[in-house]
All heavy atoms as atom14 arrays in JSON, in Angstrom:
{
  "sequence": "RLSCAGSGFTLDAYAVGWFRQAPGKEREGVSCVS",
  "atom14_mask": [
    [1, 1, 1, 1, 1, 1, 1, 1, 1, 1, 1, 0, 0, 0],
    [1, 1, 1, 1, 1, 1, 1, 1, 0, 0, 0, 0, 0, 0],
    [1, 1, 1, 1, 1, 1, 0, 0, 0, 0, 0, 0, 0, 0],
    [1, 1, 1, 1, 1, 1, 0, 0, 0, 0, 0, 0, 0, 0],
    [1, 1, 1, 1, 1, 0, 0, 0, 0, 0, 0, 0, 0, 0],
    [1, 1, 1, 1, 0, 0, 0, 0, 0, 0, 0, 0, 0, 0],
    [1, 1, 1, 1, 1, 1, 0, 0, 0, 0, 0, 0, 0, 0],
    [1, 1, 1, 1, 0, 0, 0, 0, 0, 0, 0, 0, 0, 0],
    [1, 1, 1, 1, 1, 1, 1, 1, 1, 1, 1, 0, 0, 0],
    [1, 1, 1, 1, 1, 1, 1, 0, 0, 0, 0, 0, 0, 0],
    [1, 1, 1, 1, 1, 1, 1, 1, 0, 0, 0, 0, 0, 0],
    [1, 1, 1, 1, 1, 1, 1, 1, 0, 0, 0, 0, 0, 0],
    [1, 1, 1, 1, 1, 0, 0, 0, 0, 0, 0, 0, 0, 0],
    [1, 1, 1, 1, 1, 1, 1, 1, 1, 1, 1, 1, 0, 0],
    [1, 1, 1, 1, 1, 0, 0, 0, 0, 0, 0, 0, 0, 0],
    [1, 1, 1, 1, 1, 1, 1, 0, 0, 0, 0, 0, 0, 0],
    [1, 1, 1, 1, 0, 0, 0, 0, 0, 0, 0, 0, 0, 0],
    [1, 1, 1, 1, 1, 1, 1, 1, 1, 1, 1, 1, 1, 1],
    [1, 1, 1, 1, 1, 1, 1, 1, 1, 1, 1, 0, 0, 0],
    [1, 1, 1, 1, 1, 1, 1, 1, 1, 1, 1, 0, 0, 0],
    [1, 1, 1, 1, 1, 1, 1, 1, 1, 0, 0, 0, 0, 0],
    [1, 1, 1, 1, 1, 0, 0, 0, 0, 0, 0, 0, 0, 0],
    [1, 1, 1, 1, 1, 1, 1, 0, 0, 0, 0, 0, 0, 0],
    [1, 1, 1, 1, 0, 0, 0, 0, 0, 0, 0, 0, 0, 0],
    [1, 1, 1, 1, 1, 1, 1, 1, 1, 0, 0, 0, 0, 0],
    [1, 1, 1, 1, 1, 1, 1, 1, 1, 0, 0, 0, 0, 0],
    [1, 1, 1, 1, 1, 1, 1, 1, 1, 1, 1, 0, 0, 0],
    [1, 1, 1, 1, 1, 1, 1, 1, 1, 0, 0, 0, 0, 0],
    [1, 1, 1, 1, 0, 0, 0, 0, 0, 0, 0, 0, 0, 0],
    [1, 1, 1, 1, 1, 1, 1, 0, 0, 0, 0, 0, 0, 0],
    [1, 1, 1, 1, 1, 1, 0, 0, 0, 0, 0, 0, 0, 0],
    [1, 1, 1, 1, 1, 1, 0, 0, 0, 0, 0, 0, 0, 0],
    [1, 1, 1, 1, 1, 1, 1, 0, 0, 0, 0, 0, 0, 0],
    [1, 1, 1, 1, 1, 1, 0, 0, 0, 0, 0, 0, 0, 0]
  ],
  "atom14_positions": [
    [[56.8, 91.97, 100.9], [57.99, 91.15, 101.04], [57.84, 90.27, 102.27], [57.7, 90.77, 103.39], [59.27, 91.98, 101.16], [60.52, 91.09, 101.11], [61.82, 91.87, 101.05], [62.23, 92.36, 102.35], [63.49, 92.64, 102.69], [64.45, 92.48, 101.79], [63.76, 93.09, 103.89], [0.0, 0.0, 0.0], [0.0, 0.0, 0.0], [0.0, 0.0, 0.0]],
    [[57.87, 88.97, 102.04], [57.79, 88.01, 103.12], [59.19, 87.62, 103.58], [60.12, 87.55, 102.78], [57.04, 86.75, 102.68], [55.64, 86.93, 102.09], [55.03, 85.57, 101.78], [54.75, 87.73, 103.03], [0.0, 0.0, 0.0], [0.0, 0.0, 0.0], [0.0, 0.0, 0.0], [0.0, 0.0, 0.0], [0.0, 0.0, 0.0], [0.0, 0.0, 0.0]],
    [[59.31, 87.36, 104.86], [60.57, 86.92, 105.43], [60.38, 85.58, 106.13], [59.33, 85.33, 106.73], [61.1, 87.94, 106.44], [61.38, 89.18, 105.82], [0.0, 0.0, 0.0], [0.0, 0.0, 0.0], [0.0, 0.0, 0.0], [0.0, 0.0, 0.0], [0.0, 0.0, 0.0], [0.0, 0.0, 0.0], [0.0, 0.0, 0.0], [0.0, 0.0, 0.0]],
    [[61.39, 84.75, 106.07], [61.4, 83.46, 106.75], [62.7, 83.37, 107.51], [63.78, 83.29, 106.9], [61.28, 82.33, 105.73], [61.45, 80.67, 106.42], [0.0, 0.0, 0.0], [0.0, 0.0, 0.0], [0.0, 0.0, 0.0], [0.0, 0.0, 0.0], [0.0, 0.0, 0.0], [0.0, 0.0, 0.0], [0.0, 0.0, 0.0], [0.0, 0.0, 0.0]],
    [[62.62, 83.39, 108.82], [63.79, 83.37, 109.67], [63.92, 82.04, 110.4], [62.94, 81.53, 110.94], [63.73, 84.51, 110.67], [0.0, 0.0, 0.0], [0.0, 0.0, 0.0], [0.0, 0.0, 0.0], [0.0, 0.0, 0.0], [0.0, 0.0, 0.0], [0.0, 0.0, 0.0], [0.0, 0.0, 0.0], [0.0, 0.0, 0.0], [0.0, 0.0, 0.0]],
    [[65.12, 81.51, 110.4], [65.38, 80.3, 111.16], [65.57, 80.62, 112.64], [66.2, 81.62, 112.99], [0.0, 0.0, 0.0], [0.0, 0.0, 0.0], [0.0, 0.0, 0.0], [0.0, 0.0, 0.0], [0.0, 0.0, 0.0], [0.0, 0.0, 0.0], [0.0, 0.0, 0.0], [0.0, 0.0, 0.0], [0.0, 0.0, 0.0], [0.0, 0.0, 0.0]],
    [[65.03, 79.77, 113.48], [65.17, 79.92, 114.91], [65.64, 78.6, 115.5], [65.01, 77.57, 115.29], [63.83, 80.33, 115.54], [63.93, 80.46, 116.94], [0.0, 0.0, 0.0], [0.0, 0.0, 0.0], [0.0, 0.0, 0.0], [0.0, 0.0, 0.0], [0.0, 0.0, 0.0], [0.0, 0.0, 0.0], [0.0, 0.0, 0.0], [0.0, 0.0, 0.0]],
    [[66.74, 78.63, 116.22], [67.28, 77.43, 116.82], [68.19, 76.62, 115.91], [68.71, 75.59, 116.34], [0.0, 0.0, 0.0], [0.0, 0.0, 0.0], [0.0, 0.0, 0.0], [0.0, 0.0, 0.0], [0.0, 0.0, 0.0], [0.0, 0.0, 0.0], [0.0, 0.0, 0.0], [0.0, 0.0, 0.0], [0.0, 0.0, 0.0], [0.0, 0.0, 0.0]],
    [[68.36, 77.06, 114.68], [69.27, 76.41, 113.76], [69.65, 77.4, 112.67], [68.98, 78.43, 112.51], [68.66, 75.13, 113.16], [67.57, 75.37, 112.16], [67.74, 75.03, 110.83], [66.36, 75.91, 112.55], [66.73, 75.22, 109.9], [65.33, 76.11, 111.64], [65.52, 75.76, 110.31], [0.0, 0.0, 0.0], [0.0, 0.0, 0.0], [0.0, 0.0, 0.0]],
    [[70.68, 77.07, 111.92], [71.11, 77.94, 110.83], [70.65, 77.35, 109.5], [70.69, 76.14, 109.28], [72.63, 78.12, 110.83], [73.28, 76.84, 110.77], [73.09, 78.84, 112.09], [0.0, 0.0, 0.0], [0.0, 0.0, 0.0], [0.0, 0.0, 0.0], [0.0, 0.0, 0.0], [0.0, 0.0, 0.0], [0.0, 0.0, 0.0], [0.0, 0.0, 0.0]],
    [[70.24, 78.24, 108.6], [69.64, 77.83, 107.34], [70.64, 77.58, 106.23], [70.24, 77.16, 105.14], [68.64, 78.89, 106.88], [67.32, 78.98, 107.66], [66.53, 80.19, 107.18], [66.51, 77.71, 107.49], [0.0, 0.0, 0.0], [0.0, 0.0, 0.0], [0.0, 0.0, 0.0], [0.0, 0.0, 0.0], [0.0, 0.0, 0.0], [0.0, 0.0, 0.0]],
    [[71.92, 77.82, 106.46], [72.87, 77.77, 105.36], [73.1, 76.38, 104.78], [73.68, 76.26, 103.7], [74.19, 78.43, 105.74], [74.88, 77.77, 106.92], [74.31, 76.84, 107.52], [76.0, 78.2, 107.26], [0.0, 0.0, 0.0], [0.0, 0.0, 0.0], [0.0, 0.0, 0.0], [0.0, 0.0, 0.0], [0.0, 0.0, 0.0], [0.0, 0.0, 0.0]],
    [[72.66, 75.33, 105.47], [72.77, 73.98, 104.94], [71.43, 73.46, 104.4], [71.31, 72.27, 104.1], [73.3, 73.03, 106.01], [0.0, 0.0, 0.0], [0.0, 0.0, 0.0], [0.0, 0.0, 0.0], [0.0, 0.0, 0.0], [0.0, 0.0, 0.0], [0.0, 0.0, 0.0], [0.0, 0.0, 0.0], [0.0, 0.0, 0.0], [0.0, 0.0, 0.0]],
    [[70.47, 74.34, 104.27], [69.11, 73.96, 103.89], [68.65, 74.67, 102.64], [68.87, 75.86, 102.46], [68.14, 74.31, 105.02], [68.36, 73.54, 106.3], [69.39, 73.87, 107.17], [67.52, 72.49, 106.64], [69.59, 73.16, 108.34], [67.71, 71.77, 107.81], [68.75, 72.12, 108.65], [68.94, 71.42, 109.82], [0.0, 0.0, 0.0], [0.0, 0.0, 0.0]],
    [[67.99, 73.9, 101.77], [67.19, 74.53, 100.74], [65.9, 75.02, 101.38], [65.38, 74.39, 102.3], [66.88, 73.54, 99.62], [0.0, 0.0, 0.0], [0.0, 0.0, 0.0], [0.0, 0.0, 0.0], [0.0, 0.0, 0.0], [0.0, 0.0, 0.0], [0.0, 0.0, 0.0], [0.0, 0.0, 0.0], [0.0, 0.0, 0.0], [0.0, 0.0, 0.0]],
    [[65.38, 76.14, 100.91], [64.19, 76.73, 101.49], [63.17, 76.99, 100.39], [63.52, 77.46, 99.3], [64.51, 78.04, 102.23], [63.23, 78.71, 102.73], [65.44, 77.77, 103.4], [0.0, 0.0, 0.0], [0.0, 0.0, 0.0], [0.0, 0.0, 0.0], [0.0, 0.0, 0.0], [0.0, 0.0, 0.0], [0.0, 0.0, 0.0], [0.0, 0.0, 0.0]],
    [[61.93, 76.67, 100.68], [60.86, 76.91, 99.73], [59.74, 77.73, 100.35], [59.56, 77.75, 101.57], [0.0, 0.0, 0.0], [0.0, 0.0, 0.0], [0.0, 0.0, 0.0], [0.0, 0.0, 0.0], [0.0, 0.0, 0.0], [0.0, 0.0, 0.0], [0.0, 0.0, 0.0], [0.0, 0.0, 0.0], [0.0, 0.0, 0.0], [0.0, 0.0, 0.0]],
    [[59.02, 78.43, 99.48], [57.79, 79.12, 99.86], [56.62, 78.38, 99.23], [56.64, 78.07, 98.03], [57.79, 80.57, 99.4], [58.64, 81.48, 100.23], [59.9, 81.9, 99.97], [58.26, 82.08, 101.47], [60.34, 82.73, 100.97], [59.35, 82.86, 101.9], [57.11, 82.05, 102.26], [59.33, 83.6, 103.09], [57.08, 82.78, 103.44], [58.18, 83.55, 103.84]],
    [[55.61, 78.14, 100.02], [54.4, 77.45, 99.58], [53.2, 78.27, 99.98], [53.28, 79.11, 100.89], [54.34, 76.04, 100.2], [55.5, 75.17, 99.83], [56.71, 75.27, 100.5], [55.38, 74.24, 98.81], [57.79, 74.48, 100.16], [56.46, 73.43, 98.46], [57.66, 73.56, 99.13], [0.0, 0.0, 0.0], [0.0, 0.0, 0.0], [0.0, 0.0, 0.0]],
    [[52.09, 78.03, 99.33], [50.87, 78.74, 99.7], [49.67, 77.81, 99.61], [49.66, 76.85, 98.84], [50.66, 79.97, 98.82], [50.36, 79.68, 97.36], [50.33, 80.97, 96.56], [49.99, 80.74, 95.17], [50.04, 81.66, 94.23], [50.41, 82.92, 94.54], [49.71, 81.37, 92.98], [0.0, 0.0, 0.0], [0.0, 0.0, 0.0], [0.0, 0.0, 0.0]],
    [[48.67, 78.14, 100.41], [47.45, 77.35, 100.41], [46.26, 78.28, 100.55], [46.14, 79.01, 101.54], [47.46, 76.32, 101.53], [46.29, 75.35, 101.47], [46.51, 74.13, 102.34], [47.29, 74.16, 103.28], [45.83, 73.05, 102.02], [0.0, 0.0, 0.0], [0.0, 0.0, 0.0], [0.0, 0.0, 0.0], [0.0, 0.0, 0.0], [0.0, 0.0, 0.0]],
    [[45.4, 78.25, 99.56], [44.16, 79.01, 99.59], [43.04, 78.11, 100.1], [43.12, 76.88, 100.0], [43.83, 79.53, 98.19], [0.0, 0.0, 0.0], [0.0, 0.0, 0.0], [0.0, 0.0, 0.0], [0.0, 0.0, 0.0], [0.0, 0.0, 0.0], [0.0, 0.0, 0.0], [0.0, 0.0, 0.0], [0.0, 0.0, 0.0], [0.0, 0.0, 0.0]],
    [[41.96, 78.7, 100.63], [40.85, 77.88, 101.13], [40.31, 76.94, 100.07], [40.05, 77.36, 98.93], [39.8, 78.93, 101.53], [40.6, 80.14, 101.86], [41.74, 80.13, 100.88], [0.0, 0.0, 0.0], [0.0, 0.0, 0.0], [0.0, 0.0, 0.0], [0.0, 0.0, 0.0], [0.0, 0.0, 0.0], [0.0, 0.0, 0.0], [0.0, 0.0, 0.0]],
    [[40.17, 75.68, 100.42], [39.63, 74.69, 99.51], [40.59, 74.18, 98.47], [40.2, 73.37, 97.61], [0.0, 0.0, 0.0], [0.0, 0.0, 0.0], [0.0, 0.0, 0.0], [0.0, 0.0, 0.0], [0.0, 0.0, 0.0], [0.0, 0.0, 0.0], [0.0, 0.0, 0.0], [0.0, 0.0, 0.0], [0.0, 0.0, 0.0], [0.0, 0.0, 0.0]],
    [[41.85, 74.62, 98.51], [42.83, 74.19, 97.53], [44.02, 73.51, 98.21], [44.27, 73.72, 99.39], [43.33, 75.38, 96.7], [42.28, 76.02, 95.82], [42.88, 77.08, 94.94], [41.86, 77.67, 93.99], [42.46, 78.69, 93.09], [0.0, 0.0, 0.0], [0.0, 0.0, 0.0], [0.0, 0.0, 0.0], [0.0, 0.0, 0.0], [0.0, 0.0, 0.0]],
    [[44.72, 72.71, 97.43], [45.9, 72.06, 97.95], [47.07, 73.04, 98.04], [47.13, 74.03, 97.32], [46.31, 70.88, 97.06], [45.37, 69.69, 97.14], [46.01, 68.42, 96.6], [46.94, 68.52, 95.78], [45.59, 67.34, 97.02], [0.0, 0.0, 0.0], [0.0, 0.0, 0.0], [0.0, 0.0, 0.0], [0.0, 0.0, 0.0], [0.0, 0.0, 0.0]],
    [[47.98, 72.74, 98.94], [49.18, 73.54, 99.06], [50.03, 73.39, 97.81], [50.22, 72.29, 97.29], [49.96, 73.1, 100.3], [51.11, 74.01, 100.66], [51.68, 73.62, 102.03], [50.69, 73.74, 103.09], [50.94, 73.53, 104.36], [52.15, 73.19, 104.76], [49.96, 73.65, 105.26], [0.0, 0.0, 0.0], [0.0, 0.0, 0.0], [0.0, 0.0, 0.0]],
    [[50.55, 74.51, 97.31], [51.36, 74.49, 96.12], [52.68, 75.21, 96.35], [52.76, 76.17, 97.12], [50.62, 75.12, 94.94], [50.29, 76.59, 95.11], [49.56, 77.18, 93.92], [49.44, 76.5, 92.88], [49.09, 78.33, 94.03], [0.0, 0.0, 0.0], [0.0, 0.0, 0.0], [0.0, 0.0, 0.0], [0.0, 0.0, 0.0], [0.0, 0.0, 0.0]],
    [[53.69, 74.74, 95.65], [54.99, 75.38, 95.73], [55.01, 76.66, 94.93], [54.61, 76.68, 93.77], [0.0, 0.0, 0.0], [0.0, 0.0, 0.0], [0.0, 0.0, 0.0], [0.0, 0.0, 0.0], [0.0, 0.0, 0.0], [0.0, 0.0, 0.0], [0.0, 0.0, 0.0], [0.0, 0.0, 0.0], [0.0, 0.0, 0.0], [0.0, 0.0, 0.0]],
    [[55.5, 77.72, 95.53], [55.57, 79.03, 94.9], [56.97, 79.34, 94.39], [57.16, 79.79, 93.26], [55.11, 80.13, 95.88], [55.26, 81.51, 95.25], [53.67, 79.89, 96.3], [0.0, 0.0, 0.0], [0.0, 0.0, 0.0], [0.0, 0.0, 0.0], [0.0, 0.0, 0.0], [0.0, 0.0, 0.0], [0.0, 0.0, 0.0], [0.0, 0.0, 0.0]],
    [[57.95, 79.09, 95.23], [59.33, 79.38, 94.88], [60.25, 78.64, 95.82], [59.85, 78.25, 96.92], [59.6, 80.89, 94.95], [60.9, 81.2, 94.47], [0.0, 0.0, 0.0], [0.0, 0.0, 0.0], [0.0, 0.0, 0.0], [0.0, 0.0, 0.0], [0.0, 0.0, 0.0], [0.0, 0.0, 0.0], [0.0, 0.0, 0.0], [0.0, 0.0, 0.0]],
    [[61.49, 78.45, 95.39], [62.47, 77.83, 96.26], [63.85, 78.34, 95.91], [64.07, 78.86, 94.81], [62.42, 76.3, 96.19], [62.89, 75.58, 94.6], [0.0, 0.0, 0.0], [0.0, 0.0, 0.0], [0.0, 0.0, 0.0], [0.0, 0.0, 0.0], [0.0, 0.0, 0.0], [0.0, 0.0, 0.0], [0.0, 0.0, 0.0], [0.0, 0.0, 0.0]],
    [[64.77, 78.18, 96.83], [66.14, 78.61, 96.63], [67.07, 77.57, 97.24], [66.81, 77.03, 98.31], [66.38, 80.02, 97.24], [66.11, 80.03, 98.74], [67.78, 80.52, 96.93], [0.0, 0.0, 0.0], [0.0, 0.0, 0.0], [0.0, 0.0, 0.0], [0.0, 0.0, 0.0], [0.0, 0.0, 0.0], [0.0, 0.0, 0.0], [0.0, 0.0, 0.0]],
    [[68.15, 77.29, 96.53], [69.13, 76.33, 97.02], [69.89, 76.89, 98.21], [69.82, 78.08, 98.52], [70.1, 75.96, 95.9], [70.83, 77.08, 95.47], [0.0, 0.0, 0.0], [0.0, 0.0, 0.0], [0.0, 0.0, 0.0], [0.0, 0.0, 0.0], [0.0, 0.0, 0.0], [0.0, 0.0, 0.0], [0.0, 0.0, 0.0], [0.0, 0.0, 0.0]]
  ]
}
């Protein structure tokens, strides 16, 4: 389970996405939440 915590601001006005990048590959979107 990965966690993403906001620091210095609140996330409630932001959409948040998870992305991943493997060696030699472009970054791709994994998931997002409104």
